[in-house]
Amino acid sequence: MFLFVNKKIGIVFLIFCDNEINAIKNSIYLKKIYFLAILLHKKNGIK
């Protein structure tokens, strides 16, 4: 559920990007969120 929510947020970020620099920054930010989400799932024992 957490990953699905972040993917939706990611789509919103991409839609509102003004230029390529913002797109790159948002992409890096989303990868960090995605990575943290995976770590949380592993800690909770959810695969």
Protein backbone atom coordinates (compact mmCIF):
# COMPACT_ATOMS: atom_id res chain seq x y z
CA MET A 1 0.00 0.00 0.00
CA PHE A 2 2.82 2.37 0.94
CA LEU A 3 4.65 1.79 -2.36
CA PHE A 4 1.43 2.27 -4.33
CA VAL A 5 0.77 5.61 -2.61
CA ASN A 6 4.32 6.77 -3.38
CA LYS A 7 3.94 5.81 -7.05
CA LYS A 8 0.81 8.00 -7.23
CA ILE A 9 2.71 10.89 -5.60
CA GLY A 10 5.48 10.32 -8.15
CA ILE A 11 3.03 10.73 -11.01
CA VAL A 12 1.80 14.00 -9.49
CA PHE A 13 5.40 15.23 -9.15
CA LEU A 14 6.15 14.41 -12.79
CA ILE A 15 3.00 16.19 -14.00
CA PHE A 16 3.90 19.38 -12.12
CA CYS A 17 7.56 19.47 -13.17
CA ASP A 18 8.48 22.79 -14.82
CA ASN A 19 11.68 21.54 -16.46
CA GLU A 20 14.18 18.68 -16.72
CA ILE A 21 16.14 19.79 -13.64
CA ASN A 22 13.06 19.53 -11.45
CA ALA A 23 12.25 16.17 -13.03
CA ILE A 24 15.71 14.88 -12.14
CA LYS A 25 15.47 16.18 -8.56
CA ASN A 26 12.02 14.62 -8.10
CA SER A 27 13.23 11.34 -9.60
CA ILE A 28 16.10 11.15 -7.10
CA TYR A 29 13.72 12.08 -4.25
CA LEU A 30 11.24 9.37 -5.27
CA LYS A 31 13.99 6.76 -5.49
CA LYS A 32 14.94 7.61 -1.89
CA ILE A 33 11.31 7.28 -0.76
CA TYR A 34 11.00 3.98 -2.64
CA PHE A 35 14.21 2.67 -1.06
CA LEU A 36 13.08 3.66 2.45
CA ALA A 37 9.71 2.02 1.83
CA ILE A 38 11.45 -1.24 0.86
CA LEU A 39 13.58 -1.07 4.03
CA LEU A 40 10.49 -0.53 6.18
CA HIS A 41 8.75 -3.49 4.55
CA LYS A 42 11.79 -5.70 5.16
CA LYS A 43 11.96 -4.63 8.82
CA ASN A 44 8.28 -5.49 9.22
CA GLY A 45 8.85 -8.84 7.55
CA ILE A 46 6.64 -7.98 4.57
CA LYS A 47 8.02 -9.04 1.19
